[in-house]
Amino acid sequence: MRAAVLVLGGLWMALQALAADRVDAVRRTNAENFKDRALASCIAAAYKGSPAGTDAAITTGVFIEWTYYDTDKGNAAVDQLVDKYLRRDYASPVEGYAGARFDLLKCLDMYHSKELNDQVHRFVAQPDWVGDRPPAARKRK
């Protein structure tokens, strides 16, 4: 009996450790994940061919799996928006940074843009849902 309790206790501790490294994105809303997918897509395009670009491209694919939206129209619209922002000329927004491309800054500006928010309203039918489920009732504290 004591051995069974020790085994169960060890299993419980192992499960707790695994839970600490869970992916939070699967619990975010479709609207949040749509915007995060757009940011990952922008980073993938900006840093294509680099380890960061490869990781961002894989992350983009994962968000497509987790987020419910009109993928046919939404993906094309996001790709166009990414291209538009990465073509911006941020020649030197701050003195002393000549030659910098500021691709990450462009991606962040796109992430916070009205255009991306408009896309959420156009392509995400259930923005407050988590995947295919309505939002859970909030627990009282």
Protein backbone atom coordinates (compact mmCIF):
# COMPACT_ATOMS: atom_id res chain seq x y z
CA MET A 1 0.00 0.00 0.00
CA ARG A 2 2.77 2.40 0.94
CA ALA A 3 4.53 1.69 -2.38
CA ALA A 4 1.34 2.51 -4.29
CA VAL A 5 1.01 5.81 -2.45
CA LEU A 6 4.63 6.67 -3.26
CA VAL A 7 4.15 5.79 -6.92
CA LEU A 8 0.97 7.86 -7.14
CA GLY A 9 2.67 10.73 -5.34
CA GLY A 10 5.58 10.59 -7.77
CA LEU A 11 3.21 10.47 -10.73
CA TRP A 12 1.32 13.48 -9.37
CA MET A 13 4.56 15.45 -9.00
CA ALA A 14 5.62 14.53 -12.55
CA LEU A 15 2.27 15.68 -13.93
CA GLN A 16 2.57 18.96 -12.03
CA ALA A 17 6.00 19.54 -13.57
CA LEU A 18 4.65 18.86 -17.05
CA ALA A 19 1.76 21.26 -16.50
CA ALA A 20 4.22 24.06 -15.72
CA ASP A 21 5.46 23.98 -19.34
CA ARG A 22 2.07 23.93 -21.05
CA VAL A 23 1.32 25.93 -24.18
CA ASP A 24 -0.89 28.85 -23.19
CA ALA A 25 -1.99 29.71 -26.74
CA VAL A 26 -4.46 26.82 -26.81
CA ARG A 27 -6.42 28.68 -24.11
CA ARG A 28 -6.42 32.09 -25.83
CA THR A 29 -9.35 33.35 -27.85
CA ASN A 30 -9.65 33.03 -31.61
CA ALA A 31 -9.15 36.80 -31.93
CA GLU A 32 -5.91 36.70 -29.91
CA ASN A 33 -4.61 33.68 -31.82
CA PHE A 34 -5.52 35.22 -35.19
CA LYS A 35 -3.42 38.27 -34.32
CA ASP A 36 -0.61 36.11 -32.94
CA ARG A 37 -0.68 34.05 -36.15
CA ALA A 38 -0.29 37.28 -38.13
CA LEU A 39 2.69 38.33 -36.00
CA ALA A 40 4.33 34.91 -36.41
CA SER A 41 3.74 35.10 -40.17
CA CYS A 42 5.35 38.54 -40.33
CA ILE A 43 8.39 37.39 -38.36
CA ALA A 44 8.67 34.29 -40.58
CA ALA A 45 8.68 36.48 -43.70
CA ALA A 46 11.04 39.08 -42.23
CA TYR A 47 13.61 36.51 -41.12
CA LYS A 48 13.09 33.83 -43.79
CA GLY A 49 15.99 31.39 -43.96
CA SER A 50 17.14 32.03 -40.40
CA PRO A 51 16.42 29.80 -37.37
CA ALA A 52 14.04 32.48 -36.04
CA GLY A 53 12.22 32.64 -39.38
CA THR A 54 11.88 28.86 -39.54
CA ASP A 55 10.53 28.70 -35.98
CA ALA A 56 8.07 31.51 -36.72
CA ALA A 57 6.86 29.72 -39.88
CA ILE A 58 6.22 26.54 -37.89
CA THR A 59 4.44 28.57 -35.22
CA THR A 60 2.25 30.13 -37.91
CA GLY A 61 1.12 26.65 -38.91
CA VAL A 62 0.28 25.74 -35.33
CA PHE A 63 -1.90 28.84 -34.93
CA ILE A 64 -3.82 27.84 -38.07
CA GLU A 65 -4.65 24.54 -36.34
CA TRP A 66 -5.75 26.20 -33.06
CA THR A 67 -7.76 29.11 -34.41
CA TYR A 68 -11.21 29.02 -36.00
CA TYR A 69 -11.53 31.59 -38.78
CA ASP A 70 -12.07 31.81 -42.54
CA THR A 71 -8.68 30.38 -43.50
CA ASP A 72 -9.12 30.84 -47.25
CA LYS A 73 -9.76 34.57 -47.06
CA GLY A 74 -8.03 35.27 -43.75
CA ASN A 75 -4.67 33.74 -44.66
CA ALA A 76 -4.50 35.64 -47.95
CA ALA A 77 -5.46 38.91 -46.24
CA VAL A 78 -2.84 38.43 -43.50
CA ASP A 79 -0.18 37.63 -46.09
CA GLN A 80 -1.02 40.82 -47.99
CA LEU A 81 -0.90 42.86 -44.79
CA VAL A 82 2.47 41.33 -43.85
CA ASP A 83 3.86 42.22 -47.29
CA LYS A 84 2.50 45.77 -46.99
CA TYR A 85 4.13 46.36 -43.60
CA LEU A 86 7.46 44.74 -44.49
CA ARG A 87 7.68 46.99 -47.58
CA ARG A 88 7.45 50.10 -45.42
CA ASP A 89 10.52 52.32 -45.43
CA TYR A 90 11.64 52.86 -41.87
CA ALA A 91 14.92 54.32 -43.16
CA SER A 92 15.92 55.91 -39.88
CA PRO A 93 13.14 56.51 -37.35
CA VAL A 94 15.76 57.21 -34.71
CA GLU A 95 19.06 58.98 -35.27
CA GLY A 96 22.06 56.69 -34.96
CA TYR A 97 20.52 53.56 -36.48
CA ALA A 98 21.40 54.08 -40.14
CA GLY A 99 21.15 50.93 -42.20
CA ALA A 100 18.78 49.13 -39.85
CA ARG A 101 15.74 47.59 -41.57
CA PHE A 102 13.54 47.56 -38.44
CA ASP A 103 11.64 44.48 -39.66
CA LEU A 104 10.60 43.50 -36.15
CA LEU A 105 9.32 47.03 -35.54
CA LYS A 106 7.29 46.77 -38.75
CA CYS A 107 5.79 43.46 -37.58
CA LEU A 108 4.91 44.98 -34.20
CA ASP A 109 3.31 47.98 -35.90
CA MET A 110 1.25 45.58 -38.03
CA TYR A 111 0.23 43.61 -34.92
CA HIS A 112 -1.14 46.76 -33.29
CA SER A 113 -2.71 48.15 -36.47
CA LYS A 114 -6.33 49.00 -37.13
CA GLU A 115 -6.03 46.96 -40.34
CA LEU A 116 -5.29 43.76 -38.41
CA ASN A 117 -8.11 44.49 -35.96
CA ASP A 118 -10.43 44.94 -38.94
CA GLN A 119 -9.34 41.55 -40.25
CA VAL A 120 -10.25 39.94 -36.93
CA HIS A 121 -13.78 41.34 -37.30
CA ARG A 122 -13.99 40.21 -40.94
CA PHE A 123 -12.55 36.70 -40.75
CA VAL A 124 -13.01 35.44 -37.18
CA ALA A 125 -16.65 34.42 -36.72
CA GLN A 126 -16.34 33.69 -33.00
CA PRO A 127 -13.56 36.01 -31.75
CA ASP A 128 -14.25 35.41 -28.05
CA TRP A 129 -14.34 31.64 -28.35
CA VAL A 130 -11.37 29.40 -27.62
CA GLY A 131 -11.17 27.28 -30.75
CA ASP A 132 -14.58 25.77 -31.37
CA ARG A 133 -15.83 26.38 -27.80
CA PRO A 134 -17.61 29.38 -26.33
CA PRO A 135 -15.77 31.23 -23.58
CA ALA A 136 -15.89 29.50 -20.22
CA ALA A 137 -17.75 31.23 -17.44
CA ARG A 138 -15.32 33.21 -15.35
CA LYS A 139 -14.76 31.94 -11.86
CA ARG A 140 -15.43 34.31 -9.01
CA LYS A 141 -12.51 35.11 -6.78
